[in-house]
């Protein structure tokens, strides 16, 4: 008979299999385990699915049995350790898969030191070692056949920083690890696999906050100094099929640690945000890298205009816009706006241009001494455009930001100044 053998140095205590929440690793960042429930969940899964499990602490076998107990007219299989009843039933970890059970036992072995996982023919206990033996099945063969998808131990490290590692790609799915142990079930593929030094996981040892995963992923990518890796990620992250390109609205992507090599690669090409890629002309498409909009926003401040020219800019509010040609309709609208302001003796000395914004609620912005009006604002009519032109005029003249005391003061100052000019009143 073949067995999976997982072993480590030192002797496991029976309480480690029965005392829920008992973990000596909670304050040790070097350890993988932290909840004190992993072995219990693993044991419950294996017994529930009729695996034969043998555990040895040195030469002594820890006997694992079950017995039925009825609670409110429902039968439960309760686990006994060396004949002593525990409070654990085999119902724990009801959504677990085989690999998660093996993962927990192996992770504990890694934490204890001297860990090994292998397939053996015979059970051979050893003094001063802990051995877990699990009988083999088709799940076992699948597990070993895809071992590198579950554990990053044998994977080649392509880049490493304080946040984690970029690893060689294995399998078709995106493989995400925490301290070398799979911690995320992804339905998408990825350009590379990733191992995080520290990311919050739940009691199933899976990533707890998916948006935090996206943030930490790009923290690692931005620090990369390998040109080939950077190019591979940039050229694929605009594709929704790749995990690197899936960034949620609530994720905060910070490029403050971006490497010089990453900047150098960015400055060798033309960039466009995915949300506005439809504005690219046919002759522009082939020579642009399409980035997820949040990635474009985060790197726009660290690259020069040469990489985007006059195509895509980011306003102070963080919205991306691209200037467009003024149509006959827009020209007529702006003509009415200027006529009204001239009649009111309200002089706007700045050039007015029209742009498309990735945020439909944004009515306008400024770029140095130019007022930029959104196409949405233009379509709302003359009154809305007048309001926006005056607001942006004040932003330029007084250098005041939206929703600030300075902006409020600027409006009042401009209004008083206008009243004085209209009435030719001299104080």
Protein backbone atom coordinates (compact mmCIF):
# COMPACT_ATOMS: atom_id res chain seq x y z
CA UNK A 1 0.00 0.00 0.00
CA UNK A 2 1.25 3.49 -0.81
CA UNK A 3 1.10 6.37 1.63
CA UNK A 4 1.76 10.09 1.59
CA UNK A 5 4.31 10.67 4.32
CA UNK A 6 4.71 14.14 5.83
CA UNK A 7 7.36 14.39 8.49
CA UNK A 8 9.20 16.92 10.62
CA UNK A 9 11.69 16.90 13.46
CA UNK A 10 10.35 16.95 17.00
CA UNK A 11 7.38 15.26 18.59
CA UNK A 12 3.79 16.30 18.10
CA UNK A 13 1.68 16.43 21.25
CA UNK A 14 -1.83 14.91 21.14
CA UNK A 15 -3.26 18.25 22.28
CA UNK A 16 -2.09 19.80 19.00
CA UNK A 17 -4.82 17.70 17.34
CA UNK A 18 -7.61 18.47 19.77
CA UNK A 19 -7.19 21.94 21.28
CA UNK A 20 -8.93 24.43 18.95
CA UNK A 21 -7.29 27.85 18.76
CA UNK A 22 -4.13 26.70 20.51
CA UNK A 23 -1.22 28.06 18.51
CA UNK A 24 2.25 29.08 19.66
CA UNK A 25 2.91 30.81 16.32
CA UNK A 26 0.57 33.80 16.49
CA UNK A 27 3.32 36.31 17.27
CA UNK A 28 6.01 34.70 15.15
CA UNK A 29 6.06 36.27 11.67
CA UNK A 30 8.46 33.60 10.42
CA UNK A 31 5.82 30.89 10.85
CA UNK A 32 3.06 29.99 8.41
CA UNK A 33 0.42 28.84 10.91
CA UNK A 34 -1.34 31.23 13.26
CA UNK A 35 -4.91 30.12 13.99
CA UNK A 36 -4.44 26.84 15.87
CA UNK A 37 -7.03 25.04 13.76
CA UNK A 38 -5.19 23.81 10.67
CA UNK A 39 -4.42 20.24 11.70
CA UNK A 40 -7.93 19.86 13.11
CA UNK A 41 -9.57 20.97 9.86
CA UNK A 42 -7.24 18.72 7.87
CA UNK A 43 -7.97 15.73 10.06
CA UNK A 44 -11.74 16.36 9.82
CA UNK A 45 -11.57 16.54 6.01
CA UNK A 46 -9.55 13.35 5.67
CA UNK A 47 -11.75 11.33 8.05
CA UNK A 48 -14.93 12.65 6.45
CA UNK A 49 -13.69 11.49 3.06
CA UNK A 50 -12.66 8.05 4.38
CA UNK A 51 -8.89 8.43 4.17
CA UNK A 52 -6.88 6.16 6.41
CA UNK A 53 -4.74 8.46 8.57
CA UNK A 54 -1.88 7.30 10.83
CA UNK A 55 0.01 9.72 13.06
CA UNK A 56 3.22 8.91 14.91
CA UNK A 57 4.95 10.98 17.56
CA UNK A 58 8.31 9.29 17.50
CA UNK A 59 7.66 5.56 17.82
CA UNK A 60 4.28 6.06 19.48
CA UNK A 61 1.15 6.07 17.34
CA UNK A 62 -1.51 8.63 18.16
CA UNK A 63 -4.77 6.74 17.68
CA UNK A 64 -7.45 8.58 15.71
CA UNK A 65 -11.01 7.26 15.90
CA UNK A 66 -14.55 8.58 15.60
CA UNK A 67 -17.85 7.88 17.30
CA UNK A 68 -21.35 9.10 16.59
CA UNK A 69 -23.02 11.55 18.91
CA UNK A 70 -26.53 12.94 18.59
CA UNK A 71 -27.20 16.61 19.10
CA UNK A 72 -30.77 17.90 18.64
CA UNK A 73 -31.70 14.78 16.75
CA UNK A 74 -28.79 15.11 14.31
CA UNK A 75 -25.92 12.60 14.30
CA UNK A 76 -22.34 13.90 14.28
CA UNK A 77 -19.09 11.97 14.00
CA UNK A 78 -16.90 13.18 16.86
CA UNK A 79 -13.14 12.72 16.71
CA UNK A 80 -11.35 10.88 19.53
CA UNK A 81 -7.58 11.22 20.15
CA UNK A 82 -6.04 8.24 21.95
CA UNK A 83 -9.50 7.29 23.12
CA UNK A 84 -10.27 10.74 24.54
CA UNK A 85 -13.24 12.62 23.15
CA UNK A 86 -12.60 16.00 21.55
CA UNK A 87 -15.08 18.73 20.66
CA UNK A 88 -14.16 18.34 16.98
CA UNK A 89 -16.48 16.72 14.47
CA UNK A 90 -15.58 15.60 10.98
CA UNK A 91 -17.92 18.32 9.66
CA UNK A 92 -15.25 20.98 10.14
CA UNK A 93 -13.81 22.50 6.97
CA UNK A 94 -16.85 21.41 4.97
CA UNK A 95 -15.77 23.42 1.89
CA UNK A 96 -12.16 22.28 1.96
CA UNK A 97 -10.45 20.41 -0.85
CA UNK A 98 -7.83 17.68 -0.61
CA UNK A 99 -4.92 20.00 -1.29
CA UNK A 100 -5.94 22.26 1.59
CA UNK A 101 -5.84 19.37 4.04
CA UNK A 102 -2.38 18.27 2.88
CA UNK A 103 -1.28 21.91 2.88
CA UNK A 104 -2.11 22.30 6.57
CA UNK A 105 -0.22 19.22 7.68
CA UNK A 106 2.77 20.12 5.52
CA UNK A 107 2.76 23.76 6.69
CA UNK A 108 2.93 22.64 10.29
CA UNK A 109 5.81 20.36 9.37
CA UNK A 110 7.61 23.29 7.72
CA UNK A 111 7.10 25.45 10.81
CA UNK A 112 8.58 22.74 13.05
CA UNK A 113 11.62 22.20 10.82
CA UNK A 114 13.12 19.26 8.99
CA UNK A 115 10.01 18.87 6.84
CA UNK A 116 9.62 16.38 4.02
CA UNK A 117 6.68 15.21 1.91
CA UNK A 118 6.89 12.05 -0.16
CA UNK A 119 5.12 8.88 -1.25
CA UNK A 120 6.24 5.68 0.52
CA UNK A 121 5.34 1.99 0.52
CA UNK A 122 5.61 1.33 4.26
CA UNK A 123 4.96 3.02 7.58
CA UNK A 124 8.28 3.39 9.40
CA UNK A 125 8.17 5.56 12.56
CA UNK A 126 11.41 7.27 13.65
CA UNK A 127 12.48 8.47 17.07
CA UNK A 128 12.23 12.23 17.67
CA UNK A 129 10.23 12.74 14.45
CA UNK A 130 6.56 13.35 13.76
CA UNK A 131 5.09 11.37 10.85
CA UNK A 132 1.70 11.73 9.18
CA UNK A 133 0.68 8.92 6.83
CA UNK A 134 -2.33 9.28 4.52
CA UNK A 135 -3.41 6.49 2.17
CA UNK A 136 -3.28 7.28 -1.53
CA UNK A 137 -6.10 7.81 -4.02
CA UNK A 138 -6.70 9.59 -7.32
CA UNK A 139 -6.69 12.91 -5.40
CA UNK A 140 -3.19 12.13 -4.21
CA UNK A 141 -1.93 11.56 -7.74
CA UNK A 142 -3.51 14.83 -8.91
CA UNK A 143 -1.94 16.61 -5.95
CA UNK A 144 1.58 15.39 -6.65
CA UNK A 145 1.13 15.95 -10.36
CA UNK A 146 0.41 19.62 -9.66
CA UNK A 147 2.61 20.02 -6.60
CA UNK A 148 4.17 23.28 -7.81
CA UNK A 149 0.73 24.85 -8.10
CA UNK A 150 0.19 24.33 -4.38
CA UNK A 151 3.68 24.96 -3.04
CA UNK A 152 6.31 27.39 -4.34
CA UNK A 153 9.18 25.57 -2.68
CA UNK A 154 10.67 24.22 -5.92
CA UNK A 155 9.92 27.24 -8.08
CA UNK A 156 12.56 29.47 -9.61
CA UNK A 157 12.58 32.96 -8.11
CA UNK A 158 12.78 35.56 -10.90
CA UNK A 159 12.68 38.67 -8.70
CA UNK A 160 12.60 39.28 -4.95
CA UNK A 161 11.97 42.30 -2.73
CA UNK A 162 10.80 42.93 0.84
CA UNK A 163 7.15 42.47 -0.22
CA UNK A 164 7.62 39.07 -1.84
CA UNK A 165 8.73 37.26 -4.99
CA UNK A 166 7.89 36.96 -8.67
CA UNK A 167 8.11 33.28 -9.63
CA UNK A 168 8.34 31.24 -12.78
CA UNK A 169 4.91 30.35 -14.18
CA UNK A 170 3.48 26.84 -13.76
CA UNK A 171 0.07 25.58 -14.79
CA UNK A 172 -2.69 27.52 -16.48
CA UNK A 173 -4.11 29.29 -13.41
CA UNK A 174 -2.74 32.22 -11.49
CA UNK A 175 -0.84 30.76 -8.53
CA UNK A 176 -0.68 33.02 -5.49
CA UNK A 177 1.30 31.98 -2.42
CA UNK A 178 1.88 33.23 1.10
CA UNK A 179 5.30 32.21 2.40
CA UNK A 180 5.46 29.58 -0.32
CA UNK A 181 1.98 28.13 0.33
CA UNK A 182 -0.97 28.55 -2.06
CA UNK A 183 -3.45 31.03 -0.59
CA UNK A 184 -5.75 32.06 -3.44
CA UNK A 185 -8.02 30.26 -5.88
CA UNK A 186 -7.95 32.20 -9.14
CA UNK A 187 -10.11 31.53 -12.17
CA UNK A 188 -7.77 33.49 -14.45
CA UNK A 189 -4.30 32.89 -15.73
CA UNK A 190 -1.34 35.17 -15.00
CA UNK A 191 1.91 36.23 -16.60
CA UNK A 192 3.88 35.03 -13.57
CA UNK A 193 3.17 33.44 -10.20
CA UNK A 194 3.63 35.41 -6.97
CA UNK A 195 4.68 34.65 -3.41
CA UNK A 196 3.90 37.20 -0.68
CA UNK A 197 5.86 37.50 2.53
CA UNK A 198 2.83 38.73 4.42
CA UNK A 199 -0.78 39.00 3.35
CA UNK A 200 -3.89 38.64 5.49
CA UNK A 201 -5.56 35.24 5.24
CA UNK A 202 -8.70 33.80 6.81
CA UNK A 203 -9.01 30.52 8.73
CA UNK A 204 -9.20 28.62 5.44
CA UNK A 205 -5.70 30.06 4.76
CA UNK A 206 -7.05 31.91 1.73
CA UNK A 207 -6.55 35.62 1.02
CA UNK A 208 -9.05 37.54 3.12
CA UNK A 209 -9.20 40.82 1.19
CA UNK A 210 -8.90 40.43 -2.59
CA UNK A 211 -8.35 44.17 -3.09
CA UNK A 212 -5.38 43.99 -0.73
CA UNK A 213 -3.96 41.24 -2.93
CA UNK A 214 -4.14 43.52 -5.98
CA UNK A 215 -2.37 46.32 -4.11
CA UNK A 216 0.41 44.10 -2.82
CA UNK A 217 0.81 42.44 -6.23
CA UNK A 218 1.60 45.75 -7.92
CA UNK A 219 3.85 46.81 -5.04
CA UNK A 220 6.05 43.86 -5.99
CA UNK A 221 5.74 44.41 -9.75
CA UNK A 222 6.67 48.12 -9.48
CA UNK A 223 9.85 47.30 -7.58
CA UNK A 224 10.98 44.80 -10.22
CA UNK A 225 14.26 45.66 -11.96
CA UNK A 226 14.19 42.90 -14.59
CA UNK A 227 13.40 44.41 -17.99
CA UNK A 228 12.07 41.19 -19.51
CA UNK A 229 9.65 40.62 -16.62
CA UNK A 230 8.46 44.23 -16.72
CA UNK A 231 7.82 44.08 -20.47
CA UNK A 232 5.96 40.78 -20.23
CA UNK A 233 3.65 42.16 -17.54
CA UNK A 234 3.05 45.49 -19.27
CA UNK A 235 2.23 43.88 -22.60
CA UNK A 236 -0.32 41.51 -21.05
CA UNK A 237 -1.90 43.42 -18.16
CA UNK A 238 -4.36 45.15 -20.47
CA UNK A 239 -5.98 41.77 -21.11
CA UNK A 240 -8.80 40.84 -18.71
CA UNK A 241 -7.82 37.19 -18.95
CA UNK A 242 -4.66 37.92 -16.94
CA UNK A 243 -4.81 38.38 -13.19
CA UNK A 244 -2.33 41.29 -13.36
CA UNK A 245 -4.94 43.27 -15.31
CA UNK A 246 -7.82 42.74 -12.88
CA UNK A 247 -7.89 45.70 -10.51
CA UNK A 248 -10.98 46.58 -8.49
CA UNK A 249 -12.31 50.08 -7.95
CA UNK A 250 -11.47 50.05 -4.23
CA UNK A 251 -7.83 48.98 -4.67
CA UNK A 252 -5.21 51.69 -4.11
CA UNK A 253 -2.26 51.29 -6.45
CA UNK A 254 0.83 53.11 -5.18
CA UNK A 255 3.82 53.63 -7.48
CA UNK A 256 6.00 55.39 -4.89
CA UNK A 257 8.50 52.49 -4.85
CA UNK A 258 8.71 52.12 -8.63
CA UNK A 259 12.19 51.09 -9.72
CA UNK A 260 14.42 53.08 -12.05
CA UNK A 261 14.39 50.15 -14.47
CA UNK A 262 10.57 50.17 -14.49
CA UNK A 263 10.59 53.91 -15.28
CA UNK A 264 13.13 53.30 -18.02
CA UNK A 265 10.92 50.65 -19.64
CA UNK A 266 7.87 52.90 -19.42
CA UNK A 267 9.73 55.72 -21.12
CA UNK A 268 10.57 53.52 -24.11
CA UNK A 269 6.98 53.15 -25.26
CA UNK A 270 3.61 54.87 -25.67
CA UNK A 271 0.98 54.24 -23.03
CA UNK A 272 -2.80 54.39 -23.08
CA UNK A 273 -5.39 53.68 -20.34
CA UNK A 274 -7.63 50.72 -21.00
CA UNK A 275 -10.79 52.67 -20.22
CA UNK A 276 -10.04 55.08 -23.07
CA UNK A 277 -8.28 52.82 -25.54
CA UNK A 278 -11.26 53.21 -27.85
CA UNK A 279 -10.11 56.77 -28.54
CA UNK A 280 -6.91 55.55 -30.17
CA UNK A 281 -6.81 56.08 -33.89
CA UNK A 282 -6.02 53.11 -36.16
CA UNK A 283 -2.43 54.25 -36.66
CA UNK A 284 -1.92 54.56 -32.89
CA UNK A 285 -3.17 51.16 -31.75
CA UNK A 286 -0.16 49.07 -32.74
CA UNK A 287 2.41 51.31 -31.06
CA UNK A 288 0.67 51.68 -27.70
CA UNK A 289 0.73 49.52 -24.58
CA UNK A 290 -2.76 49.38 -23.07
CA UNK A 291 -2.65 49.56 -19.27
CA UNK A 292 -5.45 49.05 -16.75
CA UNK A 293 -6.77 52.53 -16.01
CA UNK A 294 -5.60 52.48 -12.38
CA UNK A 295 -2.10 51.46 -13.42
CA UNK A 296 -1.99 54.23 -16.00
CA UNK A 297 -3.09 56.74 -13.35
CA UNK A 298 -0.47 55.54 -10.91
CA UNK A 299 2.46 55.76 -13.36
CA UNK A 300 1.34 58.90 -15.22
CA UNK A 301 3.01 61.06 -12.62
CA UNK A 302 6.39 59.39 -12.96
CA UNK A 303 6.73 59.49 -16.74
CA UNK A 304 7.06 62.39 -19.14
CA UNK A 305 4.57 63.71 -21.65
CA UNK A 306 6.64 62.17 -24.43
CA UNK A 307 5.12 58.78 -23.58
CA UNK A 308 1.57 59.98 -24.00
CA UNK A 309 2.10 63.24 -25.88
CA UNK A 310 -1.09 65.25 -25.93
CA UNK A 311 -3.12 62.07 -25.98
CA UNK A 312 -3.89 61.14 -22.37
CA UNK A 313 -3.47 63.32 -19.33
CA UNK A 314 -4.49 63.02 -15.68
CA UNK A 315 -6.17 65.98 -14.00
CA UNK A 316 -5.59 66.90 -10.35
CA UNK A 317 -8.69 64.96 -9.33
CA UNK A 318 -7.09 61.83 -10.81
CA UNK A 319 -9.36 61.53 -13.86
CA UNK A 320 -7.88 60.74 -17.25
CA UNK A 321 -8.82 62.84 -20.25
CA UNK A 322 -7.92 63.25 -23.89
CA UNK A 323 -8.45 66.42 -25.87
CA UNK A 324 -10.63 66.08 -28.96
CA UNK A 325 -11.31 68.22 -31.99
CA UNK A 326 -14.01 70.84 -31.53
CA UNK A 327 -17.01 69.89 -33.65
CA UNK A 328 -19.30 72.37 -35.38
CA UNK A 329 -21.85 71.93 -32.58
CA UNK A 330 -19.26 72.48 -29.84
CA UNK A 331 -17.91 75.53 -31.69
CA UNK A 332 -21.43 77.02 -31.79
CA UNK A 333 -21.89 76.35 -28.06
CA UNK A 334 -18.57 77.97 -27.15
CA UNK A 335 -19.43 80.95 -29.34
CA UNK A 336 -22.64 81.50 -27.33
CA UNK A 337 -20.72 81.09 -24.06
CA UNK A 338 -18.14 83.70 -25.06
CA UNK A 339 -20.84 86.05 -26.32
CA UNK A 340 -22.70 85.84 -23.00
CA UNK A 341 -19.56 86.44 -20.95
CA UNK A 342 -18.53 89.39 -23.15
CA UNK A 343 -21.99 90.93 -22.78
CA UNK A 344 -21.60 90.60 -19.03
CA UNK A 345 -18.15 92.22 -19.28
CA UNK A 346 -16.64 89.09 -17.74
CA UNK A 347 -13.30 88.57 -19.40
CA UNK A 348 -11.92 85.01 -19.74
CA UNK A 349 -8.34 85.38 -21.02
CA UNK A 350 -7.66 81.65 -21.19
CA UNK A 351 -7.95 79.24 -24.11
CA UNK A 352 -10.84 76.77 -23.94
CA UNK A 353 -10.52 73.20 -25.24
CA UNK A 354 -12.77 70.15 -25.19
CA UNK A 355 -11.85 66.66 -23.96
CA UNK A 356 -13.32 63.26 -23.17
CA UNK A 357 -12.91 62.20 -19.52
CA UNK A 358 -12.93 58.65 -18.17
CA UNK A 359 -15.18 59.93 -15.37
CA UNK A 360 -18.53 61.07 -16.75
CA UNK A 361 -19.27 63.23 -13.71
CA UNK A 362 -16.23 65.40 -14.35
CA UNK A 363 -17.31 68.58 -16.13
CA UNK A 364 -13.88 70.13 -16.61
CA UNK A 365 -10.34 70.75 -15.44
CA UNK A 366 -7.38 73.02 -16.16
CA UNK A 367 -4.01 72.39 -17.76
CA UNK A 368 -1.65 75.27 -16.95
CA UNK A 369 -3.43 78.30 -18.50
CA UNK A 370 -5.95 76.30 -20.52
CA UNK A 371 -9.52 75.48 -19.53
CA UNK A 372 -10.56 71.94 -20.47
CA UNK A 373 -14.31 71.31 -20.79
CA UNK A 374 -15.64 67.75 -20.96
CA UNK A 375 -17.76 66.57 -23.86
CA UNK A 376 -20.46 65.64 -21.33
CA UNK A 377 -20.52 69.23 -20.10
CA UNK A 378 -20.73 70.51 -23.68
CA UNK A 379 -23.73 68.30 -24.34
CA UNK A 380 -25.54 69.69 -21.29
CA UNK A 381 -25.77 73.07 -22.99
CA UNK A 382 -24.66 76.68 -22.75
CA UNK A 383 -25.58 77.29 -19.09
CA UNK A 384 -23.59 74.28 -17.82
CA UNK A 385 -20.59 75.29 -19.92
CA UNK A 386 -20.72 78.86 -18.57
CA UNK A 387 -20.76 77.56 -15.00
CA UNK A 388 -17.79 75.26 -15.67
CA UNK A 389 -15.76 77.89 -17.53
CA UNK A 390 -16.13 80.34 -14.64
CA UNK A 391 -15.20 77.68 -12.09
CA UNK A 392 -12.07 76.63 -14.00
CA UNK A 393 -11.17 80.28 -14.61
CA UNK A 394 -11.09 80.80 -10.84
CA UNK A 395 -8.95 77.68 -10.39
CA UNK A 396 -6.36 79.10 -12.79
CA UNK A 397 -6.41 82.71 -11.60
CA UNK A 398 -6.33 82.01 -7.86
CA UNK A 399 -4.61 78.60 -7.81
CA UNK A 400 -7.39 77.39 -5.53
CA UNK A 401 -8.43 73.74 -5.28
CA UNK A 402 -11.97 72.38 -5.29
CA UNK A 403 -13.92 72.26 -2.03
CA UNK A 404 -11.44 74.33 -0.04
CA UNK A 405 -11.65 77.53 1.97
CA UNK A 406 -9.28 79.09 -0.56
CA UNK A 407 -11.71 78.34 -3.38
CA UNK A 408 -14.59 79.82 -1.43
CA UNK A 409 -12.58 82.97 -0.74
CA UNK A 410 -11.55 83.16 -4.41
CA UNK A 411 -15.17 83.08 -5.57
CA UNK A 412 -16.12 85.90 -3.19
CA UNK A 413 -13.07 87.93 -4.19
CA UNK A 414 -13.83 87.51 -7.88
CA UNK A 415 -17.49 88.40 -7.36
CA UNK A 416 -16.62 91.60 -5.46
CA UNK A 417 -14.05 92.49 -8.11
CA UNK A 418 -16.61 91.94 -10.85
CA UNK A 419 -19.19 94.14 -9.07
CA UNK A 420 -16.67 96.93 -8.73
CA UNK A 421 -15.77 96.79 -12.41
CA UNK A 422 -19.38 96.72 -13.54
CA UNK A 423 -20.27 99.75 -11.49
CA UNK A 424 -16.97 101.52 -11.99
CA UNK A 425 -16.96 101.91 -8.26
CA UNK A 426 -13.74 103.02 -6.63
CA UNK A 427 -13.11 102.48 -2.93
